Amino acid sequence: MRLQLDYLKAEQCLEGRGVHHCIVVFGSTRLRQPEDARRELASAREAATETPKDPERARRLRLAEHRLALSRYYDIGRELGRLVGAAGRGAKDSRLIVMTGGGPGAMESANRGAFDVGADSAGLNITLPGEQYPNPYVTPGLCFQFHYFSLRKLHFMKRAAAIVALPGGFGTLDELFGALTLIQTRKVPPMPVVLIGEDYWRRVFDIDYLLEVGSIDAEDIELFWYAETAAEAWNGIRHWHRVNGSALFKEGGDVLPEEENR
């Protein structure tokens, strides 16, 4: 019964809103807004100055410095949400929306961008021992609480027109590699997969080494690409769909190509 409820509630609500496609955004709950990251760094720097020989305070200072450096990706996620939200026939067009895991950090940034332009966006939250609360920018009626990771992932992929991964940790890697595996094995149709921040992602996993040792094929490198800005990611997604003869916007099965260019 719980399995059915997990699936049906989200399915019926998304269908009822006329959601055909989603730009699915993954990323860390720990990604900070730049202003929050700057405050954390100032506090950590002050604490480290008070006791310069304290290794724990020194570690916290290093962490705060890294978080400030990564905080620019919050702004990129937010801008991507704006671009997707403003596409098609405008903010009230729900055929294509942003979909995230519904939590804070990177997920919040994309939902917030859609909120900025008055557009709908979805959040697929998950029940965890350390409670993860939905961010306040998910559209009421499109915020869902899942018990099972498997059904949450199913809904991520069912309407995905593209996957965008902002910097993240284990959860982001799980979602990203799960999506890449489904595309690689042709269990789902091909789609754009964009990793935001090439330097970050190349340090997280070495795709060239996987190819060198034969763990993947040469064609698997083409399953994703890197981007540094929201506009680069969004334009690449639109270009991919044009080149492959698919459409981000459909109505009654009819492709509306003029809306792809907005």
Protein backbone atom coordinates (compact mmCIF):
# COMPACT_ATOMS: atom_id res chain seq x y z
CA MET A 1 0.00 0.00 0.00
CA ARG A 2 2.80 2.45 0.89
CA LEU A 3 4.48 1.73 -2.46
CA GLN A 4 1.27 2.55 -4.31
CA LEU A 5 0.75 5.77 -2.36
CA ASP A 6 4.33 6.87 -2.97
CA TYR A 7 3.85 6.42 -6.70
CA LEU A 8 0.26 7.49 -7.26
CA LYS A 9 0.18 10.77 -5.35
CA ALA A 10 3.04 12.27 -7.31
CA GLU A 11 1.82 10.79 -10.60
CA GLN A 12 -1.70 12.12 -10.26
CA CYS A 13 -0.59 15.59 -9.14
CA LEU A 14 1.97 15.98 -11.92
CA GLU A 15 -0.52 14.73 -14.50
CA GLY A 16 -3.19 17.03 -13.13
CA ARG A 17 -0.88 20.05 -13.49
CA GLY A 18 -0.16 19.13 -17.10
CA VAL A 19 3.54 18.45 -16.47
CA HIS A 20 5.00 16.71 -19.53
CA HIS A 21 8.73 17.20 -19.00
CA CYS A 22 11.11 18.20 -16.20
CA ILE A 23 14.62 19.54 -16.01
CA VAL A 24 15.83 17.47 -13.08
CA VAL A 25 18.43 19.17 -10.89
CA PHE A 26 20.58 17.22 -8.45
CA GLY A 27 23.03 18.71 -5.93
CA SER A 28 24.19 18.93 -2.36
CA THR A 29 22.02 19.92 0.57
CA ARG A 30 25.16 21.56 1.97
CA LEU A 31 25.59 24.09 -0.82
CA ARG A 32 25.40 27.56 0.73
CA GLN A 33 24.02 30.83 -0.55
CA PRO A 34 26.99 33.19 -1.08
CA GLU A 35 25.87 35.57 1.67
CA ASP A 36 25.51 32.70 4.17
CA ALA A 37 28.89 31.29 3.15
CA ARG A 38 30.53 34.68 3.67
CA ARG A 39 29.05 34.95 7.17
CA GLU A 40 30.23 31.43 8.03
CA LEU A 41 33.72 32.23 6.80
CA ALA A 42 33.90 35.45 8.81
CA SER A 43 32.82 33.59 11.95
CA ALA A 44 35.27 30.72 11.35
CA ARG A 45 38.10 33.17 10.66
CA GLU A 46 37.42 35.04 13.89
CA ALA A 47 37.32 31.81 15.90
CA ALA A 48 40.57 30.57 14.31
CA THR A 49 42.28 33.87 15.09
CA GLU A 50 41.32 33.64 18.76
CA THR A 51 42.96 30.21 19.13
CA PRO A 52 45.37 29.78 16.20
CA LYS A 53 46.71 26.44 17.47
CA ASP A 54 43.30 24.78 17.71
CA PRO A 55 43.24 22.11 14.91
CA GLU A 56 39.45 21.82 14.94
CA ARG A 57 38.98 25.55 14.41
CA ALA A 58 41.59 25.45 11.66
CA ARG A 59 39.66 22.62 10.00
CA ARG A 60 36.42 24.59 10.23
CA LEU A 61 38.12 27.57 8.64
CA ARG A 62 39.30 25.47 5.69
CA LEU A 63 35.81 24.03 5.30
CA ALA A 64 34.26 27.51 5.37
CA GLU A 65 36.71 28.64 2.68
CA HIS A 66 35.71 25.72 0.46
CA ARG A 67 32.02 26.39 1.04
CA LEU A 68 32.41 30.00 0.01
CA ALA A 69 34.23 28.95 -3.16
CA LEU A 70 31.43 26.50 -3.99
CA SER A 71 28.65 28.92 -3.12
CA ARG A 72 28.73 30.41 -6.62
CA TYR A 73 26.99 27.26 -7.77
CA TYR A 74 23.95 28.26 -5.72
CA ASP A 75 23.60 31.31 -7.96
CA ILE A 76 24.06 29.14 -11.05
CA GLY A 77 21.31 26.77 -9.90
CA ARG A 78 19.03 29.71 -9.20
CA GLU A 79 19.66 31.22 -12.63
CA LEU A 80 18.97 27.87 -14.28
CA GLY A 81 15.64 27.72 -12.44
CA ARG A 82 14.78 31.16 -13.81
CA LEU A 83 15.68 30.18 -17.37
CA VAL A 84 13.59 27.01 -17.29
CA GLY A 85 10.71 28.75 -15.52
CA ALA A 86 10.56 31.52 -18.11
CA ALA A 87 10.69 29.17 -21.11
CA GLY A 88 7.79 28.06 -23.29
CA ARG A 89 4.70 30.23 -22.98
CA GLY A 90 5.91 31.82 -19.78
CA ALA A 91 5.75 31.24 -16.06
CA LYS A 92 2.31 29.62 -15.97
CA ASP A 93 3.23 27.04 -18.60
CA SER A 94 3.70 23.81 -16.61
CA ARG A 95 4.49 21.49 -19.51
CA LEU A 96 8.19 21.88 -18.64
CA ILE A 97 9.21 22.55 -15.04
CA VAL A 98 12.19 22.27 -12.73
CA MET A 99 12.20 19.17 -10.52
CA THR A 100 14.57 18.70 -7.58
CA GLY A 101 14.88 16.59 -4.46
CA GLY A 102 13.00 19.34 -2.67
CA GLY A 103 15.55 19.92 0.06
CA PRO A 104 17.91 22.79 0.92
CA GLY A 105 21.15 23.82 -0.78
CA ALA A 106 21.50 23.10 -4.49
CA MET A 107 17.93 21.84 -4.72
CA GLU A 108 16.61 24.99 -3.11
CA SER A 109 18.56 27.13 -5.56
CA ALA A 110 16.80 25.68 -8.63
CA ASN A 111 13.33 25.76 -7.03
CA ARG A 112 14.02 29.33 -5.93
CA GLY A 113 14.93 30.41 -9.45
CA ALA A 114 11.63 29.10 -10.77
CA PHE A 115 9.86 30.85 -7.88
CA ASP A 116 11.60 34.11 -8.81
CA VAL A 117 9.80 34.18 -12.16
CA GLY A 118 6.47 32.88 -10.84
CA ALA A 119 6.86 29.42 -12.38
CA ASP A 120 5.87 26.04 -10.95
CA SER A 121 8.55 23.64 -9.76
CA ALA A 122 8.43 20.24 -8.09
CA GLY A 123 10.27 18.82 -5.10
CA LEU A 124 10.57 15.11 -4.36
CA ASN A 125 11.53 15.07 -0.71
CA ILE A 126 12.61 11.92 1.11
CA THR A 127 12.01 10.73 4.68
CA LEU A 128 15.41 10.40 6.37
CA PRO A 129 16.59 9.68 9.95
CA GLY A 130 18.17 13.16 10.02
CA GLU A 131 15.02 14.91 8.85
CA GLN A 132 15.29 16.78 5.54
CA TYR A 133 12.66 19.47 5.31
CA PRO A 134 11.30 20.76 2.00
CA ASN A 135 12.60 24.13 0.92
CA PRO A 136 10.04 26.97 0.85
CA TYR A 137 10.25 27.55 -2.92
CA VAL A 138 8.64 24.33 -4.14
CA THR A 139 5.17 24.94 -5.58
CA PRO A 140 2.38 23.97 -3.16
CA GLY A 141 0.77 20.82 -4.50
CA LEU A 142 4.02 19.74 -6.18
CA CYS A 143 5.95 18.95 -2.99
CA PHE A 144 5.97 15.21 -2.36
CA GLN A 145 7.30 13.18 0.56
CA PHE A 146 8.71 9.77 -0.41
CA HIS A 147 9.47 6.86 1.84
CA TYR A 148 11.31 4.80 -0.80
CA PHE A 149 14.36 6.02 -2.70
CA SER A 150 13.47 3.73 -5.60
CA LEU A 151 10.11 5.36 -6.30
CA ARG A 152 11.59 8.81 -5.87
CA LYS A 153 14.21 7.96 -8.51
CA LEU A 154 11.49 6.56 -10.77
CA HIS A 155 9.68 9.90 -10.70
CA PHE A 156 12.91 11.77 -11.34
CA MET A 157 13.43 9.81 -14.53
CA LYS A 158 9.87 9.40 -15.79
CA ARG A 159 9.48 12.95 -17.10
CA ALA A 160 13.13 13.95 -17.29
CA ALA A 161 14.04 15.90 -20.40
CA ALA A 162 17.51 16.57 -18.98
CA ILE A 163 19.60 15.94 -15.88
CA VAL A 164 21.68 18.75 -14.40
CA ALA A 165 24.08 17.99 -11.55
CA LEU A 166 25.40 20.77 -9.35
CA PRO A 167 28.28 19.89 -6.98
CA GLY A 168 27.23 17.32 -4.42
CA GLY A 169 28.16 14.32 -2.31
CA PHE A 170 27.05 10.70 -1.99
CA GLY A 171 23.36 11.39 -2.62
CA THR A 172 24.09 13.42 -5.74
CA LEU A 173 26.51 10.77 -7.00
CA ASP A 174 23.93 8.06 -6.40
CA GLU A 175 21.30 9.95 -8.39
CA LEU A 176 23.71 10.97 -11.15
CA PHE A 177 25.28 7.56 -11.70
CA GLY A 178 21.88 5.89 -11.47
CA ALA A 179 20.64 8.13 -14.29
CA LEU A 180 23.79 7.58 -16.37
CA THR A 181 23.48 3.81 -15.94
CA LEU A 182 19.87 3.84 -17.13
CA ILE A 183 20.85 5.89 -20.19
CA GLN A 184 23.95 3.77 -20.89
CA THR A 185 21.96 0.52 -20.74
CA ARG A 186 19.10 2.05 -22.76
CA LYS A 187 16.55 1.44 -20.04
CA VAL A 188 15.43 5.04 -20.60
CA PRO A 189 15.59 7.17 -23.76
CA PRO A 190 18.72 9.24 -24.32
CA MET A 191 18.70 12.69 -22.74
CA PRO A 192 21.16 15.50 -21.98
CA VAL A 193 23.16 15.16 -18.78
CA VAL A 194 25.06 18.28 -17.72
CA LEU A 195 27.60 18.47 -14.89
CA ILE A 196 28.01 22.02 -13.61
CA GLY A 197 31.61 22.80 -12.66
CA GLU A 198 34.15 20.76 -14.63
CA ASP A 199 36.97 21.24 -12.14
CA TYR A 200 34.81 19.95 -9.29
CA TRP A 201 33.51 16.92 -11.16
CA ARG A 202 36.86 15.91 -12.62
CA ARG A 203 38.26 15.78 -9.09
CA VAL A 204 35.28 13.75 -7.86
CA PHE A 205 35.65 11.07 -10.52
CA ASP A 206 38.18 10.51 -13.28
CA ILE A 207 36.23 9.64 -16.43
CA ASP A 208 39.41 9.40 -18.50
CA TYR A 209 40.85 6.79 -16.16
CA LEU A 210 37.67 4.71 -16.38
CA LEU A 211 38.07 4.71 -20.17
CA GLU A 212 41.81 3.99 -20.02
CA VAL A 213 41.38 0.86 -17.91
CA GLY A 214 38.43 -0.35 -19.97
CA SER A 215 35.73 0.09 -17.33
CA ILE A 216 33.64 2.07 -19.82
CA ASP A 217 33.53 2.38 -23.62
CA ALA A 218 34.58 5.46 -25.57
CA GLU A 219 30.94 6.23 -26.42
CA ASP A 220 30.10 6.42 -22.71
CA ILE A 221 32.10 9.64 -22.39
CA GLU A 222 29.47 11.23 -24.63
CA LEU A 223 26.69 10.51 -22.12
CA PHE A 224 27.31 13.83 -20.39
CA TRP A 225 29.10 17.14 -20.76
CA TYR A 226 30.34 19.91 -18.49
CA ALA A 227 29.07 23.48 -18.23
CA GLU A 228 30.17 26.48 -16.19
CA THR A 229 27.09 28.68 -16.33
CA ALA A 230 23.33 28.28 -16.26
CA ALA A 231 23.01 29.75 -19.76
CA GLU A 232 25.60 27.31 -21.13
CA ALA A 233 23.73 24.36 -19.59
CA TRP A 234 20.29 25.55 -20.74
CA ASN A 235 21.41 26.39 -24.28
CA GLY A 236 23.13 23.02 -24.51
CA ILE A 237 19.98 21.22 -23.42
CA ARG A 238 17.86 23.08 -25.98
CA HIS A 239 20.44 22.41 -28.72
CA TRP A 240 20.55 18.70 -27.85
CA HIS A 241 16.79 18.38 -28.25
CA ARG A 242 16.76 20.28 -31.55
CA VAL A 243 19.58 18.17 -33.00
CA ASN A 244 17.94 14.94 -31.86
CA GLY A 245 14.52 15.86 -33.20
CA SER A 246 12.83 15.86 -29.80
CA ALA A 247 11.00 18.67 -28.07
CA LEU A 248 10.94 20.14 -24.62
CA PHE A 249 7.39 21.37 -25.18
CA LYS A 250 4.56 19.22 -26.51
CA GLU A 251 0.82 19.53 -26.61
CA GLY A 252 -1.44 16.71 -27.69
CA GLY A 253 1.60 14.95 -29.12
CA ASP A 254 2.45 17.92 -31.35
CA VAL A 255 5.90 19.45 -31.18
CA LEU A 256 5.89 23.21 -30.84
CA PRO A 257 9.42 24.09 -32.03
CA GLU A 258 8.94 27.85 -31.87
CA GLU A 259 8.77 27.60 -28.09
CA GLU A 260 12.12 25.84 -27.87
CA ASN A 261 13.94 29.03 -28.81
CA ARG A 262 12.56 31.28 -26.08
